[in-house]
């Protein structure tokens, strides 16, 4: 289930975001968190099953939502969590969801997996 970020989940969100290569540096990670907390056009969501195991963040730019961050806890990878997060996000947002150059590979893999599932 996709859960909107709130500051009570800050440490969890930071932990999940830190799995992304470009968010390993603590100073950069803190700036990213500040962006999500202060900019109303930046939205962060956590994926919860039994625990929080994924994170996806977007910036709303006109009629598009750019996927800025997407990551799944390594213990839960290859289980389709990213595909589920993207599908839930697309249902939630009233705009087109597009990747950035940093998230393109992950988003493309999820979309391919979703297309394969539909064919089956």
PDB file of N, CA and C in Angstrom:
ATOM      1  N   UNK A   1       0.841  -1.173   0.000  1.00  0.00           N
ATOM      2  CA  UNK A   1       0.000   0.000   0.000  1.00  0.00           C
ATOM      3  C   UNK A   1       0.892   1.244   0.000  1.00  0.00           C
ATOM      4  N   UNK A   2       0.533   2.206  -0.812  1.00  0.00           N
ATOM      5  CA  UNK A   2       1.265   3.466  -0.904  1.00  0.00           C
ATOM      6  C   UNK A   2       0.782   4.406   0.198  1.00  0.00           C
ATOM      7  N   UNK A   3       1.727   4.902   0.994  1.00  0.00           N
ATOM      8  CA  UNK A   3       1.408   5.759   2.136  1.00  0.00           C
ATOM      9  C   UNK A   3       2.127   7.097   1.959  1.00  0.00           C
ATOM     10  N   UNK A   4       1.391   8.227   1.991  1.00  0.00           N
ATOM     11  CA  UNK A   4       2.061   9.525   1.887  1.00  0.00           C
ATOM     12  C   UNK A   4       3.052   9.717   3.037  1.00  0.00           C
ATOM     13  N   UNK A   5       4.190  10.290   2.707  1.00  0.00           N
ATOM     14  CA  UNK A   5       5.228  10.554   3.702  1.00  0.00           C
ATOM     15  C   UNK A   5       4.753  11.569   4.724  1.00  0.00           C
ATOM     16  N   UNK A   6       5.124  11.345   5.983  1.00  0.00           N
ATOM     17  CA  UNK A   6       4.988  12.377   7.006  1.00  0.00           C
ATOM     18  C   UNK A   6       6.252  12.324   7.856  1.00  0.00           C
ATOM     19  N   UNK A   7       6.521  13.385   8.571  1.00  0.00           N
ATOM     20  CA  UNK A   7       7.788  13.507   9.287  1.00  0.00           C
ATOM     21  C   UNK A   7       7.992  12.445  10.357  1.00  0.00           C
ATOM     22  N   UNK A   8       6.932  11.806  10.811  1.00  0.00           N
ATOM     23  CA  UNK A   8       7.076  10.724  11.784  1.00  0.00           C
ATOM     24  C   UNK A   8       7.838   9.543  11.166  1.00  0.00           C
ATOM     25  N   UNK A   9       7.829   9.451   9.848  1.00  0.00           N
ATOM     26  CA  UNK A   9       8.504   8.363   9.133  1.00  0.00           C
ATOM     27  C   UNK A   9       9.811   8.817   8.493  1.00  0.00           C
ATOM     28  N   UNK A  10      10.368   9.908   8.988  1.00  0.00           N
ATOM     29  CA  UNK A  10      11.569  10.491   8.373  1.00  0.00           C
ATOM     30  C   UNK A  10      12.750   9.519   8.334  1.00  0.00           C
ATOM     31  N   UNK A  11      13.032   8.874   9.440  1.00  0.00           N
ATOM     32  CA  UNK A  11      14.180   7.956   9.487  1.00  0.00           C
ATOM     33  C   UNK A  11      13.982   6.769   8.549  1.00  0.00           C
ATOM     34  N   UNK A  12      12.777   6.267   8.482  1.00  0.00           N
ATOM     35  CA  UNK A  12      12.482   5.153   7.576  1.00  0.00           C
ATOM     36  C   UNK A  12      12.678   5.597   6.132  1.00  0.00           C
ATOM     37  N   UNK A  13      12.139   6.761   5.783  1.00  0.00           N
ATOM     38  CA  UNK A  13      12.277   7.279   4.415  1.00  0.00           C
ATOM     39  C   UNK A  13      13.742   7.500   4.068  1.00  0.00           C
ATOM     40  N   UNK A  14      14.485   8.078   5.000  1.00  0.00           N
ATOM     41  CA  UNK A  14      15.914   8.314   4.751  1.00  0.00           C
ATOM     42  C   UNK A  14      16.666   6.994   4.564  1.00  0.00           C
ATOM     43  N   UNK A  15      16.334   6.010   5.363  1.00  0.00           N
ATOM     44  CA  UNK A  15      16.974   4.706   5.230  1.00  0.00           C
ATOM     45  C   UNK A  15      16.712   4.082   3.874  1.00  0.00           C
ATOM     46  N   UNK A  16      15.480   4.155   3.418  1.00  0.00           N
ATOM     47  CA  UNK A  16      15.131   3.598   2.110  1.00  0.00           C
ATOM     48  C   UNK A  16      15.782   4.392   0.976  1.00  0.00           C
ATOM     49  N   UNK A  17      15.746   5.716   1.079  1.00  0.00           N
ATOM     50  CA  UNK A  17      16.373   6.541   0.031  1.00  0.00           C
ATOM     51  C   UNK A  17      17.882   6.324  -0.033  1.00  0.00           C
ATOM     52  N   UNK A  18      18.489   5.998   1.099  1.00  0.00           N
ATOM     53  CA  UNK A  18      19.946   5.829   1.133  1.00  0.00           C
ATOM     54  C   UNK A  18      20.416   4.610   0.333  1.00  0.00           C
ATOM     55  N   UNK A  19      19.501   3.725  -0.039  1.00  0.00           N
ATOM     56  CA  UNK A  19      19.869   2.601  -0.904  1.00  0.00           C
ATOM     57  C   UNK A  19      20.138   3.053  -2.333  1.00  0.00           C
ATOM     58  N   UNK A  20      19.710   4.271  -2.672  1.00  0.00           N
ATOM     59  CA  UNK A  20      19.968   4.809  -4.011  1.00  0.00           C
ATOM     60  C   UNK A  20      21.383   5.376  -4.055  1.00  0.00           C
ATOM     61  N   UNK A  21      22.087   5.072  -5.131  1.00  0.00           N
ATOM     62  CA  UNK A  21      23.492   5.482  -5.258  1.00  0.00           C
ATOM     63  C   UNK A  21      23.677   6.982  -5.055  1.00  0.00           C
ATOM     64  N   UNK A  22      22.824   7.798  -5.663  1.00  0.00           N
ATOM     65  CA  UNK A  22      23.036   9.239  -5.571  1.00  0.00           C
ATOM     66  C   UNK A  22      22.617   9.834  -4.223  1.00  0.00           C
ATOM     67  N   UNK A  23      22.049   9.023  -3.354  1.00  0.00           N
ATOM     68  CA  UNK A  23      21.622   9.515  -2.037  1.00  0.00           C
ATOM     69  C   UNK A  23      22.473   8.947  -0.901  1.00  0.00           C
ATOM     70  N   UNK A  24      23.612   8.371  -1.210  1.00  0.00           N
ATOM     71  CA  UNK A  24      24.482   7.786  -0.176  1.00  0.00           C
ATOM     72  C   UNK A  24      25.098   8.844   0.739  1.00  0.00           C
ATOM     73  N   UNK A  25      25.419  10.011   0.183  1.00  0.00           N
ATOM     74  CA  UNK A  25      26.017  11.092   0.963  1.00  0.00           C
ATOM     75  C   UNK A  25      24.965  11.693   1.894  1.00  0.00           C
ATOM     76  N   UNK A  26      25.275  11.752   3.186  1.00  0.00           N
ATOM     77  CA  UNK A  26      24.310  12.218   4.178  1.00  0.00           C
ATOM     78  C   UNK A  26      23.858  13.651   3.913  1.00  0.00           C
ATOM     79  N   UNK A  27      24.774  14.533   3.518  1.00  0.00           N
ATOM     80  CA  UNK A  27      24.395  15.925   3.252  1.00  0.00           C
ATOM     81  C   UNK A  27      23.400  16.004   2.091  1.00  0.00           C
ATOM     82  N   UNK A  28      23.660  15.243   1.056  1.00  0.00           N
ATOM     83  CA  UNK A  28      22.743  15.232  -0.084  1.00  0.00           C
ATOM     84  C   UNK A  28      21.388  14.655   0.327  1.00  0.00           C
ATOM     85  N   UNK A  29      21.414  13.580   1.102  1.00  0.00           N
ATOM     86  CA  UNK A  29      20.182  12.952   1.565  1.00  0.00           C
ATOM     87  C   UNK A  29      19.351  13.919   2.403  1.00  0.00           C
ATOM     88  N   UNK A  30      20.009  14.673   3.274  1.00  0.00           N
ATOM     89  CA  UNK A  30      19.288  15.660   4.084  1.00  0.00           C
ATOM     90  C   UNK A  30      18.669  16.755   3.220  1.00  0.00           C
ATOM     91  N   UNK A  31      19.378  17.183   2.168  1.00  0.00           N
ATOM     92  CA  UNK A  31      18.821  18.179   1.241  1.00  0.00           C
ATOM     93  C   UNK A  31      17.612  17.617   0.513  1.00  0.00           C
ATOM     94  N   UNK A  32      17.698  16.343   0.126  1.00  0.00           N
ATOM     95  CA  UNK A  32      16.572  15.693  -0.549  1.00  0.00           C
ATOM     96  C   UNK A  32      15.359  15.655   0.367  1.00  0.00           C
ATOM     97  N   UNK A  33      15.565  15.271   1.617  1.00  0.00           N
ATOM     98  CA  UNK A  33      14.456  15.217   2.570  1.00  0.00           C
ATOM     99  C   UNK A  33      13.850  16.598   2.779  1.00  0.00           C
ATOM    100  N   UNK A  34      14.695  17.600   2.864  1.00  0.00           N
ATOM    101  CA  UNK A  34      14.214  18.977   3.024  1.00  0.00           C
ATOM    102  C   UNK A  34      13.353  19.387   1.823  1.00  0.00           C
ATOM    103  N   UNK A  35      13.776  18.997   0.632  1.00  0.00           N
ATOM    104  CA  UNK A  35      13.015  19.316  -0.587  1.00  0.00           C
ATOM    105  C   UNK A  35      11.611  18.707  -0.504  1.00  0.00           C
ATOM    106  N   UNK A  36      11.538  17.430  -0.104  1.00  0.00           N
ATOM    107  CA  UNK A  36      10.229  16.774   0.000  1.00  0.00           C
ATOM    108  C   UNK A  36       9.374  17.381   1.108  1.00  0.00           C
ATOM    109  N   UNK A  37      10.002  17.833   2.174  1.00  0.00           N
ATOM    110  CA  UNK A  37       9.244  18.373   3.295  1.00  0.00           C
ATOM    111  C   UNK A  37       8.776  19.806   3.075  1.00  0.00           C
ATOM    112  N   UNK A  38       9.514  20.575   2.271  1.00  0.00           N
ATOM    113  CA  UNK A  38       9.190  21.996   2.129  1.00  0.00           C
ATOM    114  C   UNK A  38       8.521  22.378   0.809  1.00  0.00           C
ATOM    115  N   UNK A  39       8.779  21.632  -0.247  1.00  0.00           N
ATOM    116  CA  UNK A  39       8.248  21.988  -1.562  1.00  0.00           C
ATOM    117  C   UNK A  39       6.930  21.253  -1.803  1.00  0.00           C
ATOM    118  N   UNK A  40       5.832  21.977  -1.931  1.00  0.00           N
ATOM    119  CA  UNK A  40       4.532  21.318  -2.116  1.00  0.00           C
ATOM    120  C   UNK A  40       4.416  20.551  -3.433  1.00  0.00           C
ATOM    121  N   UNK A  41       5.305  20.806  -4.384  1.00  0.00           N
ATOM    122  CA  UNK A  41       5.272  20.083  -5.654  1.00  0.00           C
ATOM    123  C   UNK A  41       6.110  18.802  -5.626  1.00  0.00           C
ATOM    124  N   UNK A  42       6.796  18.550  -4.524  1.00  0.00           N
ATOM    125  CA  UNK A  42       7.579  17.318  -4.361  1.00  0.00           C
ATOM    126  C   UNK A  42       6.824  16.429  -3.380  1.00  0.00           C
ATOM    127  N   UNK A  43       6.486  15.235  -3.834  1.00  0.00           N
ATOM    128  CA  UNK A  43       5.697  14.298  -3.025  1.00  0.00           C
ATOM    129  C   UNK A  43       6.485  13.009  -2.823  1.00  0.00           C
ATOM    130  N   UNK A  44       6.505  12.527  -1.592  1.00  0.00           N
ATOM    131  CA  UNK A  44       7.209  11.298  -1.251  1.00  0.00           C
ATOM    132  C   UNK A  44       6.197  10.313  -0.683  1.00  0.00           C
ATOM    133  N   UNK A  45       6.304   9.060  -1.120  1.00  0.00           N
ATOM    134  CA  UNK A  45       5.403   8.014  -0.659  1.00  0.00           C
ATOM    135  C   UNK A  45       6.222   6.800  -0.231  1.00  0.00           C
ATOM    136  N   UNK A  46       5.750   6.132   0.796  1.00  0.00           N
ATOM    137  CA  UNK A  46       6.372   4.909   1.271  1.00  0.00           C
ATOM    138  C   UNK A  46       5.480   3.737   0.886  1.00  0.00           C
ATOM    139  N   UNK A  47       6.094   2.598   0.589  1.00  0.00           N
ATOM    140  CA  UNK A  47       5.338   1.388   0.287  1.00  0.00           C
ATOM    141  C   UNK A  47       5.356   0.508   1.530  1.00  0.00           C
ATOM    142  N   UNK A  48       4.145   0.161   1.979  1.00  0.00           N
ATOM    143  CA  UNK A  48       4.031  -0.636   3.195  1.00  0.00           C
ATOM    144  C   UNK A  48       3.323  -1.952   2.903  1.00  0.00           C
ATOM    145  N   UNK A  49       3.942  -3.008   3.350  1.00  0.00           N
ATOM    146  CA  UNK A  49       3.282  -4.309   3.380  1.00  0.00           C
ATOM    147  C   UNK A  49       3.181  -4.629   4.867  1.00  0.00           C
ATOM    148  N   UNK A  50       3.993  -5.514   5.400  1.00  0.00           N
ATOM    149  CA  UNK A  50       4.019  -5.670   6.861  1.00  0.00           C
ATOM    150  C   UNK A  50       4.803  -4.516   7.485  1.00  0.00           C
ATOM    151  N   UNK A  51       5.864  -4.115   6.803  1.00  0.00           N
ATOM    152  CA  UNK A  51       6.701  -2.981   7.196  1.00  0.00           C
ATOM    153  C   UNK A  51       6.853  -2.067   5.982  1.00  0.00           C
ATOM    154  N   UNK A  52       7.508  -0.933   6.181  1.00  0.00           N
ATOM    155  CA  UNK A  52       7.835  -0.066   5.053  1.00  0.00           C
ATOM    156  C   UNK A  52       9.017  -0.687   4.321  1.00  0.00           C
ATOM    157  N   UNK A  53       8.843  -0.963   3.027  1.00  0.00           N
ATOM    158  CA  UNK A  53       9.898  -1.656   2.281  1.00  0.00           C
ATOM    159  C   UNK A  53      10.289  -0.945   0.987  1.00  0.00           C
ATOM    160  N   UNK A  54       9.609   0.141   0.659  1.00  0.00           N
ATOM    161  CA  UNK A  54       9.935   0.861  -0.567  1.00  0.00           C
ATOM    162  C   UNK A  54       9.604   2.331  -0.430  1.00  0.00           C
ATOM    163  N   UNK A  55      10.170   3.094  -1.354  1.00  0.00           N
ATOM    164  CA  UNK A  55       9.936   4.538  -1.363  1.00  0.00           C
ATOM    165  C   UNK A  55       9.895   5.014  -2.817  1.00  0.00           C
ATOM    166  N   UNK A  56       9.021   5.976  -3.078  1.00  0.00           N
ATOM    167  CA  UNK A  56       8.946   6.585  -4.407  1.00  0.00           C
ATOM    168  C   UNK A  56       8.643   8.065  -4.213  1.00  0.00           C
ATOM    169  N   UNK A  57       9.395   8.898  -4.920  1.00  0.00           N
ATOM    170  CA  UNK A  57       9.220  10.340  -4.802  1.00  0.00           C
ATOM    171  C   UNK A  57       9.097  10.977  -6.167  1.00  0.00           C
ATOM    172  N   UNK A  58       8.212  11.951  -6.278  1.00  0.00           N
ATOM    173  CA  UNK A  58       7.980  12.630  -7.545  1.00  0.00           C
ATOM    174  C   UNK A  58       7.983  14.136  -7.360  1.00  0.00           C
ATOM    175  N   UNK A  59       8.254  14.822  -8.456  1.00  0.00           N
ATOM    176  CA  UNK A  59       8.046  16.266  -8.490  1.00  0.00           C
ATOM    177  C   UNK A  59       6.979  16.514  -9.549  1.00  0.00           C
ATOM    178  N   UNK A  60       6.005  17.311  -9.179  1.00  0.00           N
ATOM    179  CA  UNK A  60       4.914  17.626 -10.099  1.00  0.00           C
ATOM    180  C   UNK A  60       5.346  18.827 -10.940  1.00  0.00           C
ATOM    181  N   UNK A  61       5.368  18.630 -12.242  1.00  0.00           N
ATOM    182  CA  UNK A  61       5.797  19.665 -13.182  1.00  0.00           C
ATOM    183  C   UNK A  61       4.737  19.812 -14.260  1.00  0.00           C
ATOM    184  N   UNK A  62       3.788  20.704 -14.003  1.00  0.00           N
ATOM    185  CA  UNK A  62       2.702  20.903 -14.961  1.00  0.00           C
ATOM    186  C   UNK A  62       1.810  19.676 -15.016  1.00  0.00           C
ATOM    187  N   UNK A  63       1.760  19.028 -16.196  1.00  0.00           N
ATOM    188  CA  UNK A  63       0.902  17.855 -16.360  1.00  0.00           C
ATOM    189  C   UNK A  63       1.665  16.544 -16.199  1.00  0.00           C
ATOM    190  N   UNK A  64       2.893  16.628 -15.694  1.00  0.00           N
ATOM    191  CA  UNK A  64       3.713  15.434 -15.489  1.00  0.00           C
ATOM    192  C   UNK A  64       4.168  15.316 -14.043  1.00  0.00           C
ATOM    193  N   UNK A  65       4.328  14.076 -13.623  1.00  0.00           N
ATOM    194  CA  UNK A  65       4.955  13.779 -12.340  1.00  0.00           C
ATOM    195  C   UNK A  65       6.261  13.074 -12.670  1.00  0.00           C
ATOM    196  N   UNK A  66       7.377  13.698 -12.349  1.00  0.00           N
ATOM    197  CA  UNK A  66       8.699  13.122 -12.626  1.00  0.00           C
ATOM    198  C   UNK A  66       9.122  12.261 -11.441  1.00  0.00           C
ATOM    199  N   UNK A  67       9.422  10.998 -11.703  1.00  0.00           N
ATOM    200  CA  UNK A  67       9.874  10.096 -10.649  1.00  0.00           C
ATOM    201  C   UNK A  67      11.325  10.450 -10.328  1.00  0.00           C
ATOM    202  N   UNK A  68      11.526  11.090  -9.203  1.00  0.00           N
ATOM    203  CA  UNK A  68      12.856  11.526  -8.763  1.00  0.00           C
ATOM    204  C   UNK A  68      13.595  10.421  -8.016  1.00  0.00           C
ATOM    205  N   UNK A  69      12.852   9.665  -7.247  1.00  0.00           N
ATOM    206  CA  UNK A  69      13.434   8.608  -6.424  1.00  0.00           C
ATOM    207  C   UNK A  69      12.511   7.399  -6.448  1.00  0.00           C
ATOM    208  N   UNK A  70      13.108   6.225  -6.534  1.00  0.00           N
ATOM    209  CA  UNK A  70      12.349   4.980  -6.397  1.00  0.00           C
ATOM    210  C   UNK A  70      13.335   3.915  -5.937  1.00  0.00           C
ATOM    211  N   UNK A  71      12.980   3.251  -4.861  1.00  0.00           N
ATOM    212  CA  UNK A  71      13.893   2.262  -4.298  1.00  0.00           C
ATOM    213  C   UNK A  71      13.111   1.262  -3.453  1.00  0.00           C
ATOM    214  N   UNK A  72      13.589   0.030  -3.459  1.00  0.00           N
ATOM    215  CA  UNK A  72      13.015  -1.043  -2.657  1.00  0.00           C
ATOM    216  C   UNK A  72      14.127  -1.583  -1.764  1.00  0.00           C
ATOM    217  N   UNK A  73      13.798  -1.878  -0.534  1.00  0.00           N
ATOM    218  CA  UNK A  73      14.741  -2.495   0.385  1.00  0.00           C
ATOM    219  C   UNK A  73      15.348  -3.718  -0.310  1.00  0.00           C
ATOM    220  N   UNK A  74      16.672  -3.855  -0.304  1.00  0.00           N
ATOM    221  CA  UNK A  74      17.311  -4.979  -1.002  1.00  0.00           C
ATOM    222  C   UNK A  74      16.776  -6.355  -0.611  1.00  0.00           C
ATOM    223  N   UNK A  75      16.291  -6.523   0.592  1.00  0.00           N
ATOM    224  CA  UNK A  75      15.744  -7.812   1.034  1.00  0.00           C
ATOM    225  C   UNK A  75      14.442  -8.174   0.319  1.00  0.00           C
ATOM    226  N   UNK A  76      13.814  -7.173  -0.347  1.00  0.00           N
ATOM    227  CA  UNK A  76      12.525  -7.399  -0.996  1.00  0.00           C
ATOM    228  C   UNK A  76      12.569  -7.176  -2.507  1.00  0.00           C
ATOM    229  N   UNK A  77      13.756  -7.092  -3.058  1.00  0.00           N
ATOM    230  CA  UNK A  77      13.880  -6.850  -4.496  1.00  0.00           C
ATOM    231  C   UNK A  77      13.517  -8.099  -5.288  1.00  0.00           C
ATOM    232  N   UNK A  78      13.174  -7.889  -6.537  1.00  0.00           N
ATOM    233  CA  UNK A  78      12.770  -8.963  -7.461  1.00  0.00           C
ATOM    234  C   UNK A  78      11.448  -9.607  -7.048  1.00  0.00           C
ATOM    235  N   UNK A  79      10.619  -8.871  -6.310  1.00  0.00           N
ATOM    236  CA  UNK A  79       9.303  -9.370  -5.910  1.00  0.00           C
ATOM    237  C   UNK A  79       8.177  -8.544  -6.528  1.00  0.00           C
ATOM    238  N   UNK A  80       8.525  -7.627  -7.426  1.00  0.00           N
ATOM    239  CA  UNK A  80       7.507  -6.815  -8.087  1.00  0.00           C
ATOM    240  C   UNK A  80       7.044  -5.610  -7.292  1.00  0.00           C
ATOM    241  N   UNK A  81       7.761  -5.253  -6.241  1.00  0.00           N
ATOM    242  CA  UNK A  81       7.361  -4.122  -5.389  1.00  0.00           C
ATOM    243  C   UNK A  81       7.421  -2.810  -6.172  1.00  0.00           C
ATOM    244  N   UNK A  82       8.489  -2.604  -6.953  1.00  0.00           N
ATOM    245  CA  UNK A  82       8.608  -1.385  -7.749  1.00  0.00           C
ATOM    246  C   UNK A  82       7.452  -1.240  -8.719  1.00  0.00           C
ATOM    247  N   UNK A  83       7.066  -2.339  -9.353  1.00  0.00           N
ATOM    248  CA  UNK A  83       5.939  -2.329 -10.286  1.00  0.00           C
ATOM    249  C   UNK A  83       4.655  -1.959  -9.561  1.00  0.00           C
ATOM    250  N   UNK A  84       4.459  -2.523  -8.363  1.00  0.00           N
ATOM    251  CA  UNK A  84       3.270  -2.197  -7.566  1.00  0.00           C
ATOM    252  C   UNK A  84       3.258  -0.722  -7.166  1.00  0.00           C
ATOM    253  N   UNK A  85       4.429  -0.200  -6.771  1.00  0.00           N
ATOM    254  CA  UNK A  85       4.503   1.212  -6.360  1.00  0.00           C
ATOM    255  C   UNK A  85       4.133   2.122  -7.527  1.00  0.00           C
ATOM    256  N   UNK A  86       4.697   1.841  -8.706  1.00  0.00           N
ATOM    257  CA  UNK A  86       4.404   2.676  -9.871  1.00  0.00           C
ATOM    258  C   UNK A  86       2.932   2.610 -10.252  1.00  0.00           C
ATOM    259  N   UNK A  87       2.355   1.417 -10.238  1.00  0.00           N
ATOM    260  CA  UNK A  87       0.936   1.264 -10.581  1.00  0.00           C
ATOM    261  C   UNK A  87       0.061   2.050  -9.599  1.00  0.00           C
ATOM    262  N   UNK A  88       0.370   1.946  -8.304  1.00  0.00           N
ATOM    263  CA  UNK A  88      -0.404   2.674  -7.289  1.00  0.00           C
ATOM    264  C   UNK A  88      -0.246   4.182  -7.463  1.00  0.00           C
ATOM    265  N   UNK A  89       0.970   4.623  -7.781  1.00  0.00           N
ATOM    266  CA  UNK A  89       1.225   6.048  -7.980  1.00  0.00           C
ATOM    267  C   UNK A  89       0.441   6.577  -9.182  1.00  0.00           C
ATOM    268  N   UNK A  90       0.423   5.806 -10.258  1.00  0.00           N
ATOM    269  CA  UNK A  90      -0.302   6.217 -11.464  1.00  0.00           C
ATOM    270  C   UNK A  90      -1.799   6.332 -11.204  1.00  0.00           C
ATOM    271  N   UNK A  91      -2.333   5.483 -10.329  1.00  0.00           N
ATOM    272  CA  UNK A  91      -3.749   5.579  -9.965  1.00  0.00           C
ATOM    273  C   UNK A  91      -4.019   6.776  -9.068  1.00  0.00           C
ATOM    274  N   UNK A  92      -3.043   7.109  -8.239  1.00  0.00           N
ATOM    275  CA  UNK A  92      -3.192   8.185  -7.265  1.00  0.00           C
ATOM    276  C   UNK A  92      -3.097   9.575  -7.888  1.00  0.00           C
ATOM    277  N   UNK A  93      -2.161   9.744  -8.819  1.00  0.00           N
ATOM    278  CA  UNK A  93      -1.905  11.071  -9.380  1.00  0.00           C
ATOM    279  C   UNK A  93      -2.710  11.314 -10.656  1.00  0.00           C
ATOM    280  N   UNK A  94      -3.227  12.523 -10.795  1.00  0.00           N
ATOM    281  CA  UNK A  94      -4.039  12.843 -11.975  1.00  0.00           C
ATOM    282  C   UNK A  94      -3.202  13.316 -13.173  1.00  0.00           C
ATOM    283  N   UNK A  95      -1.936  12.920 -13.211  1.00  0.00           N
ATOM    284  CA  UNK A  95      -1.072  13.361 -14.304  1.00  0.00           C
ATOM    285  C   UNK A  95      -0.214  12.197 -14.786  1.00  0.00           C
ATOM    286  N   UNK A  96       0.471  12.416 -15.890  1.00  0.00           N
ATOM    287  CA  UNK A  96       1.329  11.385 -16.454  1.00  0.00           C
ATOM    288  C   UNK A  96       2.597  11.223 -15.616  1.00  0.00           C
ATOM    289  N   UNK A  97       2.977   9.990 -15.340  1.00  0.00           N
ATOM    290  CA  UNK A  97       4.159   9.689 -14.537  1.00  0.00           C
ATOM    291  C   UNK A  97       5.308   9.345 -15.474  1.00  0.00           C
ATOM    292  N   UNK A  98       6.417  10.090 -15.350  1.00  0.00           N
ATOM    293  CA  UNK A  98       7.586   9.915 -16.221  1.00  0.00           C
ATOM    294  C   UNK A  98       8.844   9.803 -15.364  1.00  0.00           C
ATOM    295  N   UNK A  99       9.819   9.025 -15.815  1.00  0.00           N
ATOM    296  CA  UNK A  99      11.073   8.932 -15.065  1.00  0.00           C
ATOM    297  C   UNK A  99      12.008  10.097 -15.376  1.00  0.00           C
ATOM    298  N   UNK A 100      12.989  10.298 -14.518  1.00  0.00           N
ATOM    299  CA  UNK A 100      14.104  11.200 -14.817  1.00  0.00           C
ATOM    300  C   UNK A 100      15.224  10.316 -15.362  1.00  0.00           C
ATOM    301  N   UNK A 101      16.331  10.919 -15.749  1.00  0.00           N
ATOM    302  CA  UNK A 101      17.440  10.106 -16.262  1.00  0.00           C
ATOM    303  C   UNK A 101      17.987   9.173 -15.184  1.00  0.00           C
ATOM    304  N   UNK A 102      17.840   9.554 -13.910  1.00  0.00           N
ATOM    305  CA  UNK A 102      18.343   8.733 -12.810  1.00  0.00           C
ATOM    306  C   UNK A 102      17.430   7.554 -12.482  1.00  0.00           C
ATOM    307  N   UNK A 103      16.153   7.663 -12.800  1.00  0.00           N
ATOM    308  CA  UNK A 103      15.211   6.596 -12.464  1.00  0.00           C
ATOM    309  C   UNK A 103      14.722   5.838 -13.699  1.00  0.00           C
ATOM    310  N   UNK A 104      15.179   6.235 -14.863  1.00  0.00           N
ATOM    311  CA  UNK A 104      14.679   5.649 -16.108  1.00  0.00           C
ATOM    312  C   UNK A 104      14.857   4.130 -16.170  1.00  0.00           C
ATOM    313  N   UNK A 105      16.027   3.622 -15.809  1.00  0.00           N
ATOM    314  CA  UNK A 105      16.284   2.182 -15.894  1.00  0.00           C
ATOM    315  C   UNK A 105      15.332   1.403 -14.999  1.00  0.00           C
ATOM    316  N   UNK A 106      15.169   1.854 -13.764  1.00  0.00           N
ATOM    317  CA  UNK A 106      14.293   1.175 -12.811  1.00  0.00           C
ATOM    318  C   UNK A 106      12.843   1.233 -13.292  1.00  0.00           C
ATOM    319  N   UNK A 107      12.386   2.419 -13.678  1.00  0.00           N
ATOM    320  CA  UNK A 107      10.998   2.584 -14.113  1.00  0.00           C
ATOM    321  C   UNK A 107      10.725   1.762 -15.370  1.00  0.00           C
ATOM    322  N   UNK A 108      11.658   1.767 -16.310  1.00  0.00           N
ATOM    323  CA  UNK A 108      11.485   0.982 -17.542  1.00  0.00           C
ATOM    324  C   UNK A 108      11.363  -0.510 -17.228  1.00  0.00           C
ATOM    325  N   UNK A 109      12.196  -1.012 -16.328  1.00  0.00           N
ATOM    326  CA  UNK A 109      12.131  -2.424 -15.938  1.00  0.00           C
ATOM    327  C   UNK A 109      10.774  -2.757 -15.315  1.00  0.00           C
ATOM    328  N   UNK A 110      10.272  -1.863 -14.486  1.00  0.00           N
ATOM    329  CA  UNK A 110       8.965  -2.073 -13.863  1.00  0.00           C
ATOM    330  C   UNK A 110       7.847  -2.072 -14.905  1.00  0.00           C
ATOM    331  N   UNK A 111       7.914  -1.152 -15.858  1.00  0.00           N
ATOM    332  CA  UNK A 111       6.891  -1.069 -16.895  1.00  0.00           C
ATOM    333  C   UNK A 111       6.929  -2.299 -17.805  1.00  0.00           C
ATOM    334  N   UNK A 112       8.123  -2.806 -18.089  1.00  0.00           N
ATOM    335  CA  UNK A 112       8.241  -4.037 -18.894  1.00  0.00           C
ATOM    336  C   UNK A 112       7.645  -5.219 -18.159  1.00  0.00           C
ATOM    337  N   UNK A 113       7.904  -5.294 -16.861  1.00  0.00           N
ATOM    338  CA  UNK A 113       7.362  -6.370 -16.039  1.00  0.00           C
ATOM    339  C   UNK A 113       5.837  -6.296 -16.006  1.00  0.00           C
ATOM    340  N   UNK A 114       5.311  -5.082 -15.897  1.00  0.00           N
ATOM    341  CA  UNK A 114       3.852  -4.889 -15.875  1.00  0.00           C
ATOM    342  C   UNK A 114       3.237  -5.303 -17.203  1.00  0.00           C
ATOM    343  N   UNK A 115       3.892  -4.963 -18.315  1.00  0.00           N
ATOM    344  CA  UNK A 115       3.395  -5.325 -19.640  1.00  0.00           C
ATOM    345  C   UNK A 115       3.410  -6.852 -19.821  1.00  0.00           C
ATOM    346  N   UNK A 116       4.441  -7.515 -19.335  1.00  0.00           N
ATOM    347  CA  UNK A 116       4.515  -8.979 -19.415  1.00  0.00           C
ATOM    348  C   UNK A 116       3.394  -9.620 -18.604  1.00  0.00           C
ATOM    349  N   UNK A 117       3.114  -9.048 -17.453  1.00  0.00           N
ATOM    350  CA  UNK A 117       2.055  -9.583 -16.586  1.00  0.00           C
ATOM    351  C   UNK A 117       0.699  -9.463 -17.269  1.00  0.00           C
ATOM    352  N   UNK A 118       0.473  -8.363 -17.957  1.00  0.00           N
ATOM    353  CA  UNK A 118      -0.806  -8.170 -18.659  1.00  0.00           C
ATOM    354  C   UNK A 118      -0.999  -9.187 -19.773  1.00  0.00           C
ATOM    355  N   UNK A 119       0.103  -9.553 -20.456  1.00  0.00           N
ATOM    356  CA  UNK A 119       0.033 -10.518 -21.555  1.00  0.00           C
ATOM    357  C   UNK A 119      -0.314 -11.915 -21.068  1.00  0.00           C
ATOM    358  N   UNK A 120       0.106 -12.221 -19.836  1.00  0.00           N
ATOM    359  CA  UNK A 120      -0.113 -13.585 -19.296  1.00  0.00           C
ATOM    360  C   UNK A 120      -1.544 -13.859 -18.948  1.00  0.00           C
TER     361      UNK A 120
END
